[in-house]
Amino acid sequence: LMYWSNPGTASLYAFNTDTYTITTIHQGFLSGVSGLTLVDDILYVADTFGVKSVNLTYTDTDTDTNTDTDTNTMIGKVVGGKKIEMLSFSDPLYFLNPVGIAVNKHRKELIVSSSLLETTGRVGIFNVLDHGYTKVVEIPMNAPKDIEIINSNGDFLVAEQGSGTLTLVQRDTLQSSVIASNLVSPTYIALNTDKTIAYVTESDGSITRVDLFTSHQKRIVTGLSQPVGIAVSESG
């Protein structure tokens, strides 16, 4: 299945690549969805006023959108019998405009970017502890957007829109280095299967290919109208 969001209708959808059918898995309780990441059966959603999760295996015959309360602080029932949960962070500032989101399964960490202004922001790393998310560290960044983890150690890429760079952060040392520069408001990142090549969307209508080992960058597509999301097939 492939998942995507529609901020205009506050909805989440699933696309079955075998049957070419579209299913609405959630409608309502979302505002401006930015980033999605899927871990096992949990879909994490970076929404305007907080990070939320959808348990894709949860089912309920009641599909209304009335407020519902339980031990997991579910905030609503949704189309298809799924429920939405608002994640509770130890740092409430991460409820403000989260954009990128990634999960490091090996370290059991959630990584969230939050852009406060056009040139400021932060990336926070949180421990995942029984529905509580305690901040491990915060890294100041320049309007960070998408995040992609590139290896089992947890090193990750960040598209810094304010500085026009693709930045690599080493998880153990938290040292950062610029992999690509002179990008035009980079927004989203997609990796090839080997995680050696990054494809970055830019607000001027371009897509740039970046070799993560050599830092060689090449603009491979131009003329698009403000591309945002991007994905790479298994065949590359």
C-alpha atoms as a PDB file:
ATOM      1  CA  LEU A   1       0.000   0.000   0.000  1.00  0.00           C
ATOM      2  CA  MET A   2       0.985   3.622  -0.573  1.00  0.00           C
ATOM      3  CA  TYR A   3      -0.243   6.371   1.747  1.00  0.00           C
ATOM      4  CA  TRP A   4      -0.733  10.080   1.167  1.00  0.00           C
ATOM      5  CA  SER A   5      -2.561  13.057   2.640  1.00  0.00           C
ATOM      6  CA  ASN A   6      -4.808  15.813   1.332  1.00  0.00           C
ATOM      7  CA  PRO A   7      -4.605  18.934   3.537  1.00  0.00           C
ATOM      8  CA  GLY A   8      -7.544  20.461   1.655  1.00  0.00           C
ATOM      9  CA  THR A   9      -9.924  17.784   2.937  1.00  0.00           C
ATOM     10  CA  ALA A  10      -7.986  16.898   6.120  1.00  0.00           C
ATOM     11  CA  SER A  11      -7.846  13.301   4.914  1.00  0.00           C
ATOM     12  CA  LEU A  12      -5.478  10.352   4.705  1.00  0.00           C
ATOM     13  CA  TYR A  13      -5.681   7.825   1.883  1.00  0.00           C
ATOM     14  CA  ALA A  14      -4.309   4.389   1.055  1.00  0.00           C
ATOM     15  CA  PHE A  15      -3.630   3.260  -2.517  1.00  0.00           C
ATOM     16  CA  ASN A  16      -3.504  -0.456  -3.255  1.00  0.00           C
ATOM     17  CA  THR A  17      -0.828  -0.915  -5.914  1.00  0.00           C
ATOM     18  CA  ASP A  18      -2.190  -4.357  -6.839  1.00  0.00           C
ATOM     19  CA  THR A  19      -5.841  -3.447  -7.362  1.00  0.00           C
ATOM     20  CA  TYR A  20      -5.370   0.286  -8.094  1.00  0.00           C
ATOM     21  CA  THR A  21      -8.062   1.169  -5.586  1.00  0.00           C
ATOM     22  CA  ILE A  22      -8.106   4.119  -3.186  1.00  0.00           C
ATOM     23  CA  THR A  23      -9.421   3.878   0.369  1.00  0.00           C
ATOM     24  CA  THR A  24     -10.045   6.762   2.774  1.00  0.00           C
ATOM     25  CA  ILE A  25      -8.461   5.742   6.066  1.00  0.00           C
ATOM     26  CA  HIS A  26      -9.073   8.977   7.942  1.00  0.00           C
ATOM     27  CA  GLN A  27     -11.136  12.135   7.565  1.00  0.00           C
ATOM     28  CA  GLY A  28     -11.218  14.987  10.054  1.00  0.00           C
ATOM     29  CA  PHE A  29      -9.059  15.948  13.072  1.00  0.00           C
ATOM     30  CA  LEU A  30      -6.198  16.956  10.767  1.00  0.00           C
ATOM     31  CA  SER A  31      -5.277  20.405   9.543  1.00  0.00           C
ATOM     32  CA  GLY A  32      -2.068  20.970   7.562  1.00  0.00           C
ATOM     33  CA  VAL A  33      -0.395  17.598   7.126  1.00  0.00           C
ATOM     34  CA  SER A  34       3.276  17.873   6.138  1.00  0.00           C
ATOM     35  CA  GLY A  35       5.163  14.615   6.644  1.00  0.00           C
ATOM     36  CA  LEU A  36       4.203  10.944   6.872  1.00  0.00           C
ATOM     37  CA  THR A  37       6.247   7.938   7.905  1.00  0.00           C
ATOM     38  CA  LEU A  38       5.165   4.321   8.258  1.00  0.00           C
ATOM     39  CA  VAL A  39       6.626   1.947  10.866  1.00  0.00           C
ATOM     40  CA  ASP A  40       5.107  -1.528  10.923  1.00  0.00           C
ATOM     41  CA  ASP A  41       1.360  -0.837  11.305  1.00  0.00           C
ATOM     42  CA  ILE A  42       1.661   2.694  12.694  1.00  0.00           C
ATOM     43  CA  LEU A  43       1.420   5.712  10.381  1.00  0.00           C
ATOM     44  CA  TYR A  44       2.983   8.821  11.966  1.00  0.00           C
ATOM     45  CA  VAL A  45       1.646  12.169  10.763  1.00  0.00           C
ATOM     46  CA  ALA A  46       3.276  15.597  11.165  1.00  0.00           C
ATOM     47  CA  ASP A  47       0.265  17.893  11.452  1.00  0.00           C
ATOM     48  CA  THR A  48       0.111  21.656  12.019  1.00  0.00           C
ATOM     49  CA  PHE A  49      -0.634  21.430  15.740  1.00  0.00           C
ATOM     50  CA  GLY A  50       1.175  18.241  16.660  1.00  0.00           C
ATOM     51  CA  VAL A  51       2.409  14.820  15.653  1.00  0.00           C
ATOM     52  CA  LYS A  52      -0.299  12.162  15.453  1.00  0.00           C
ATOM     53  CA  SER A  53      -0.327   8.442  14.855  1.00  0.00           C
ATOM     54  CA  VAL A  54      -2.782   6.111  13.147  1.00  0.00           C
ATOM     55  CA  ASN A  55      -2.842   2.446  14.147  1.00  0.00           C
ATOM     56  CA  LEU A  56      -3.698   0.818  10.826  1.00  0.00           C
ATOM     57  CA  THR A  57      -4.654  -2.485  12.458  1.00  0.00           C
ATOM     58  CA  TYR A  58      -7.189  -0.954  14.849  1.00  0.00           C
ATOM     59  CA  THR A  59     -10.751  -1.533  13.683  1.00  0.00           C
ATOM     60  CA  ASP A  60     -14.089  -0.370  15.007  1.00  0.00           C
ATOM     61  CA  THR A  61     -17.513  -0.633  13.428  1.00  0.00           C
ATOM     62  CA  ASP A  62     -18.367   2.842  14.738  1.00  0.00           C
ATOM     63  CA  THR A  63     -17.064   5.247  12.078  1.00  0.00           C
ATOM     64  CA  ASP A  64     -18.393   8.555  13.377  1.00  0.00           C
ATOM     65  CA  THR A  65     -16.098  11.436  14.330  1.00  0.00           C
ATOM     66  CA  ASN A  66     -17.341  12.077  17.843  1.00  0.00           C
ATOM     67  CA  THR A  67     -14.823  12.587  20.628  1.00  0.00           C
ATOM     68  CA  ASP A  68     -13.748   9.334  22.249  1.00  0.00           C
ATOM     69  CA  THR A  69     -11.575   8.805  25.307  1.00  0.00           C
ATOM     70  CA  ASP A  70      -9.457   5.843  26.405  1.00  0.00           C
ATOM     71  CA  THR A  71      -6.105   5.065  28.012  1.00  0.00           C
ATOM     72  CA  ASN A  72      -4.207   5.986  24.849  1.00  0.00           C
ATOM     73  CA  THR A  73      -5.821   9.446  24.648  1.00  0.00           C
ATOM     74  CA  MET A  74      -7.420   8.764  21.284  1.00  0.00           C
ATOM     75  CA  ILE A  75      -9.046  11.947  20.014  1.00  0.00           C
ATOM     76  CA  GLY A  76     -11.521  10.657  17.465  1.00  0.00           C
ATOM     77  CA  LYS A  77     -13.010   7.808  15.499  1.00  0.00           C
ATOM     78  CA  VAL A  78     -12.357   7.902  11.806  1.00  0.00           C
ATOM     79  CA  VAL A  79     -13.520   6.588   8.462  1.00  0.00           C
ATOM     80  CA  GLY A  80     -12.660   2.919   8.089  1.00  0.00           C
ATOM     81  CA  GLY A  81     -12.741   2.263  11.835  1.00  0.00           C
ATOM     82  CA  LYS A  82      -9.256   3.654  12.525  1.00  0.00           C
ATOM     83  CA  LYS A  83      -8.351   5.979  15.365  1.00  0.00           C
ATOM     84  CA  ILE A  84      -6.030   8.970  15.666  1.00  0.00           C
ATOM     85  CA  GLU A  85      -3.742   9.470  18.670  1.00  0.00           C
ATOM     86  CA  MET A  86      -2.043  12.752  19.547  1.00  0.00           C
ATOM     87  CA  LEU A  87       1.525  12.078  20.665  1.00  0.00           C
ATOM     88  CA  SER A  88       2.525  13.674  23.963  1.00  0.00           C
ATOM     89  CA  PHE A  89       5.999  15.238  23.838  1.00  0.00           C
ATOM     90  CA  SER A  90       8.076  16.255  26.837  1.00  0.00           C
ATOM     91  CA  ASP A  91       8.753  19.526  24.957  1.00  0.00           C
ATOM     92  CA  PRO A  92       5.428  21.182  24.003  1.00  0.00           C
ATOM     93  CA  LEU A  93       7.135  23.391  21.403  1.00  0.00           C
ATOM     94  CA  TYR A  94       7.081  20.413  19.056  1.00  0.00           C
ATOM     95  CA  PHE A  95       3.331  20.799  18.836  1.00  0.00           C
ATOM     96  CA  LEU A  96       4.012  23.964  16.827  1.00  0.00           C
ATOM     97  CA  ASN A  97       4.292  23.292  13.109  1.00  0.00           C
ATOM     98  CA  PRO A  98       6.090  19.937  12.964  1.00  0.00           C
ATOM     99  CA  VAL A  99       7.119  19.261   9.384  1.00  0.00           C
ATOM    100  CA  GLY A 100       9.428  16.300   8.876  1.00  0.00           C
ATOM    101  CA  ILE A 101       9.192  13.060  10.809  1.00  0.00           C
ATOM    102  CA  ALA A 102      11.219   9.847  10.889  1.00  0.00           C
ATOM    103  CA  VAL A 103      11.466   6.817  13.178  1.00  0.00           C
ATOM    104  CA  ASN A 104      14.695   5.056  14.106  1.00  0.00           C
ATOM    105  CA  LYS A 105      13.476   1.539  14.962  1.00  0.00           C
ATOM    106  CA  HIS A 106      16.932   0.363  16.090  1.00  0.00           C
ATOM    107  CA  ARG A 107      17.285   3.106  18.705  1.00  0.00           C
ATOM    108  CA  LYS A 108      13.528   3.411  19.323  1.00  0.00           C
ATOM    109  CA  GLU A 109      13.659   7.112  18.602  1.00  0.00           C
ATOM    110  CA  LEU A 110      11.331   9.558  16.895  1.00  0.00           C
ATOM    111  CA  ILE A 111      12.953  12.450  14.991  1.00  0.00           C
ATOM    112  CA  VAL A 112      10.849  15.553  14.332  1.00  0.00           C
ATOM    113  CA  SER A 113      11.680  18.805  12.559  1.00  0.00           C
ATOM    114  CA  SER A 114       9.873  22.008  13.475  1.00  0.00           C
ATOM    115  CA  SER A 115      10.172  25.226  11.466  1.00  0.00           C
ATOM    116  CA  LEU A 116       9.211  28.279  13.479  1.00  0.00           C
ATOM    117  CA  LEU A 117      10.081  30.955  10.923  1.00  0.00           C
ATOM    118  CA  GLU A 118      11.511  31.024   7.400  1.00  0.00           C
ATOM    119  CA  THR A 119      15.089  30.926   8.712  1.00  0.00           C
ATOM    120  CA  THR A 120      14.819  29.253  12.112  1.00  0.00           C
ATOM    121  CA  GLY A 121      13.815  25.899  13.470  1.00  0.00           C
ATOM    122  CA  ARG A 122      15.009  22.763  15.186  1.00  0.00           C
ATOM    123  CA  VAL A 123      15.238  19.016  14.951  1.00  0.00           C
ATOM    124  CA  GLY A 124      14.349  17.099  18.101  1.00  0.00           C
ATOM    125  CA  ILE A 125      15.180  13.476  18.876  1.00  0.00           C
ATOM    126  CA  PHE A 126      12.787  11.737  21.278  1.00  0.00           C
ATOM    127  CA  ASN A 127      12.810   8.398  23.073  1.00  0.00           C
ATOM    128  CA  VAL A 128       9.685   6.352  22.457  1.00  0.00           C
ATOM    129  CA  LEU A 129       8.505   5.177  25.886  1.00  0.00           C
ATOM    130  CA  ASP A 130       4.983   3.784  26.225  1.00  0.00           C
ATOM    131  CA  HIS A 131       3.245   6.626  24.372  1.00  0.00           C
ATOM    132  CA  GLY A 132       5.439   9.230  26.099  1.00  0.00           C
ATOM    133  CA  TYR A 133       8.122  10.989  24.065  1.00  0.00           C
ATOM    134  CA  THR A 134      11.027  12.331  26.124  1.00  0.00           C
ATOM    135  CA  LYS A 135      13.449  14.642  24.341  1.00  0.00           C
ATOM    136  CA  VAL A 136      16.995  13.325  24.056  1.00  0.00           C
ATOM    137  CA  VAL A 137      18.552  16.253  22.236  1.00  0.00           C
ATOM    138  CA  GLU A 138      17.655  19.282  20.151  1.00  0.00           C
ATOM    139  CA  ILE A 139      19.627  20.532  17.145  1.00  0.00           C
ATOM    140  CA  PRO A 140      19.138  24.127  15.931  1.00  0.00           C
ATOM    141  CA  MET A 141      18.665  24.258  12.153  1.00  0.00           C
ATOM    142  CA  ASN A 142      17.712  26.644   9.384  1.00  0.00           C
ATOM    143  CA  ALA A 143      14.028  26.018   8.620  1.00  0.00           C
ATOM    144  CA  PRO A 144      14.340  22.208   8.490  1.00  0.00           C
ATOM    145  CA  LYS A 145      11.795  20.281   6.454  1.00  0.00           C
ATOM    146  CA  ASP A 146      12.005  16.600   5.509  1.00  0.00           C
ATOM    147  CA  ILE A 147      14.106  14.010   7.387  1.00  0.00           C
ATOM    148  CA  GLU A 148      15.420  10.692   6.055  1.00  0.00           C
ATOM    149  CA  ILE A 149      17.379   8.113   8.062  1.00  0.00           C
ATOM    150  CA  ILE A 150      20.152   6.600   5.947  1.00  0.00           C
ATOM    151  CA  ASN A 151      21.517   3.685   8.023  1.00  0.00           C
ATOM    152  CA  SER A 152      20.866   1.438  11.019  1.00  0.00           C
ATOM    153  CA  ASN A 153      23.019   3.641  13.233  1.00  0.00           C
ATOM    154  CA  GLY A 154      20.479   6.409  12.842  1.00  0.00           C
ATOM    155  CA  ASP A 155      22.473   8.985  10.846  1.00  0.00           C
ATOM    156  CA  PHE A 156      19.966  11.168   9.022  1.00  0.00           C
ATOM    157  CA  LEU A 157      19.559  13.773   6.295  1.00  0.00           C
ATOM    158  CA  VAL A 158      17.691  17.055   6.748  1.00  0.00           C
ATOM    159  CA  ALA A 159      16.495  19.396   4.005  1.00  0.00           C
ATOM    160  CA  GLU A 160      17.241  22.874   5.380  1.00  0.00           C
ATOM    161  CA  GLN A 161      15.007  25.207   3.448  1.00  0.00           C
ATOM    162  CA  GLY A 162      16.370  28.401   4.980  1.00  0.00           C
ATOM    163  CA  SER A 163      19.993  27.738   3.987  1.00  0.00           C
ATOM    164  CA  GLY A 164      19.298  25.810   0.787  1.00  0.00           C
ATOM    165  CA  THR A 165      21.291  22.798   1.926  1.00  0.00           C
ATOM    166  CA  LEU A 166      21.031  19.041   2.370  1.00  0.00           C
ATOM    167  CA  THR A 167      22.619  18.332   5.738  1.00  0.00           C
ATOM    168  CA  LEU A 168      23.861  15.044   7.190  1.00  0.00           C
ATOM    169  CA  VAL A 169      23.641  14.585  10.975  1.00  0.00           C
ATOM    170  CA  GLN A 170      25.649  11.790  12.599  1.00  0.00           C
ATOM    171  CA  ARG A 171      23.511  10.322  15.359  1.00  0.00           C
ATOM    172  CA  ASP A 172      26.342   9.293  17.720  1.00  0.00           C
ATOM    173  CA  THR A 173      28.255  12.581  17.674  1.00  0.00           C
ATOM    174  CA  LEU A 174      25.427  14.912  16.551  1.00  0.00           C
ATOM    175  CA  GLN A 175      27.935  16.535  14.201  1.00  0.00           C
ATOM    176  CA  SER A 176      26.411  17.916  11.021  1.00  0.00           C
ATOM    177  CA  SER A 177      27.936  18.442   7.583  1.00  0.00           C
ATOM    178  CA  VAL A 178      26.589  19.904   4.365  1.00  0.00           C
ATOM    179  CA  ILE A 179      26.187  17.295   1.619  1.00  0.00           C
ATOM    180  CA  ALA A 180      24.662  19.614  -1.006  1.00  0.00           C
ATOM    181  CA  SER A 181      24.344  23.386  -1.184  1.00  0.00           C
ATOM    182  CA  ASN A 182      22.834  26.122  -3.373  1.00  0.00           C
ATOM    183  CA  LEU A 183      19.498  24.329  -3.454  1.00  0.00           C
ATOM    184  CA  VAL A 184      16.379  26.467  -3.869  1.00  0.00           C
ATOM    185  CA  SER A 185      14.251  25.981  -0.752  1.00  0.00           C
ATOM    186  CA  PRO A 186      14.679  22.188  -0.586  1.00  0.00           C
ATOM    187  CA  THR A 187      11.619  20.505   0.869  1.00  0.00           C
ATOM    188  CA  TYR A 188      11.444  16.720   0.558  1.00  0.00           C
ATOM    189  CA  ILE A 189      13.948  13.900   0.151  1.00  0.00           C
ATOM    190  CA  ALA A 190      13.719  10.424  -1.368  1.00  0.00           C
ATOM    191  CA  LEU A 191      16.469   7.786  -1.209  1.00  0.00           C
ATOM    192  CA  ASN A 192      17.321   4.996  -3.613  1.00  0.00           C
ATOM    193  CA  THR A 193      17.164   1.411  -2.348  1.00  0.00           C
ATOM    194  CA  ASP A 194      20.845   1.373  -1.293  1.00  0.00           C
ATOM    195  CA  LYS A 195      20.494   4.774   0.390  1.00  0.00           C
ATOM    196  CA  THR A 196      23.474   6.101  -1.537  1.00  0.00           C
ATOM    197  CA  ILE A 197      21.590   8.640  -3.663  1.00  0.00           C
ATOM    198  CA  ALA A 198      19.188  11.332  -2.483  1.00  0.00           C
ATOM    199  CA  TYR A 199      16.627  13.079  -4.669  1.00  0.00           C
ATOM    200  CA  VAL A 200      15.560  16.490  -3.385  1.00  0.00           C
ATOM    201  CA  THR A 201      12.574  18.594  -4.455  1.00  0.00           C
ATOM    202  CA  GLU A 202      13.064  22.362  -4.723  1.00  0.00           C
ATOM    203  CA  SER A 203      10.493  25.142  -4.721  1.00  0.00           C
ATOM    204  CA  ASP A 204      11.675  26.526  -8.076  1.00  0.00           C
ATOM    205  CA  GLY A 205      10.301  23.421  -9.789  1.00  0.00           C
ATOM    206  CA  SER A 206      13.476  21.345  -9.803  1.00  0.00           C
ATOM    207  CA  ILE A 207      14.623  17.951  -8.554  1.00  0.00           C
ATOM    208  CA  THR A 208      18.303  17.495  -7.729  1.00  0.00           C
ATOM    209  CA  ARG A 209      20.162  14.197  -7.512  1.00  0.00           C
ATOM    210  CA  VAL A 210      22.833  14.048  -4.775  1.00  0.00           C
ATOM    211  CA  ASP A 211      25.478  11.331  -4.376  1.00  0.00           C
ATOM    212  CA  LEU A 212      25.816  10.887  -0.611  1.00  0.00           C
ATOM    213  CA  PHE A 213      29.385   9.576  -0.857  1.00  0.00           C
ATOM    214  CA  THR A 214      30.907  12.116  -3.243  1.00  0.00           C
ATOM    215  CA  SER A 215      28.487  15.026  -2.621  1.00  0.00           C
ATOM    216  CA  HIS A 216      28.170  15.401  -6.375  1.00  0.00           C
ATOM    217  CA  GLN A 217      24.870  17.045  -7.178  1.00  0.00           C
ATOM    218  CA  LYS A 218      23.048  17.319 -10.500  1.00  0.00           C
ATOM    219  CA  ARG A 219      19.736  18.938 -11.340  1.00  0.00           C
ATOM    220  CA  ILE A 220      17.834  16.254 -13.235  1.00  0.00           C
ATOM    221  CA  VAL A 221      14.347  17.777 -13.551  1.00  0.00           C
ATOM    222  CA  THR A 222      13.235  21.378 -14.092  1.00  0.00           C
ATOM    223  CA  GLY A 223      10.008  23.135 -14.949  1.00  0.00           C
ATOM    224  CA  LEU A 224       7.738  21.554 -12.350  1.00  0.00           C
ATOM    225  CA  SER A 225       5.254  23.626 -10.364  1.00  0.00           C
ATOM    226  CA  GLN A 226       6.534  23.665  -6.772  1.00  0.00           C
ATOM    227  CA  PRO A 227       7.088  19.913  -6.305  1.00  0.00           C
ATOM    228  CA  VAL A 228       6.730  18.652  -2.750  1.00  0.00           C
ATOM    229  CA  GLY A 229       6.528  14.920  -2.038  1.00  0.00           C
ATOM    230  CA  ILE A 230       8.817  12.481  -3.833  1.00  0.00           C
ATOM    231  CA  ALA A 231       9.414   8.708  -3.835  1.00  0.00           C
ATOM    232  CA  VAL A 232      11.740   6.326  -5.662  1.00  0.00           C
ATOM    233  CA  SER A 233      10.693   2.862  -6.870  1.00  0.00           C
ATOM    234  CA  GLU A 234      12.692  -0.231  -5.905  1.00  0.00           C
ATOM    235  CA  SER A 235      14.118  -0.402  -9.434  1.00  0.00           C
ATOM    236  CA  GLY A 236      15.490   3.122  -9.044  1.00  0.00           C
END
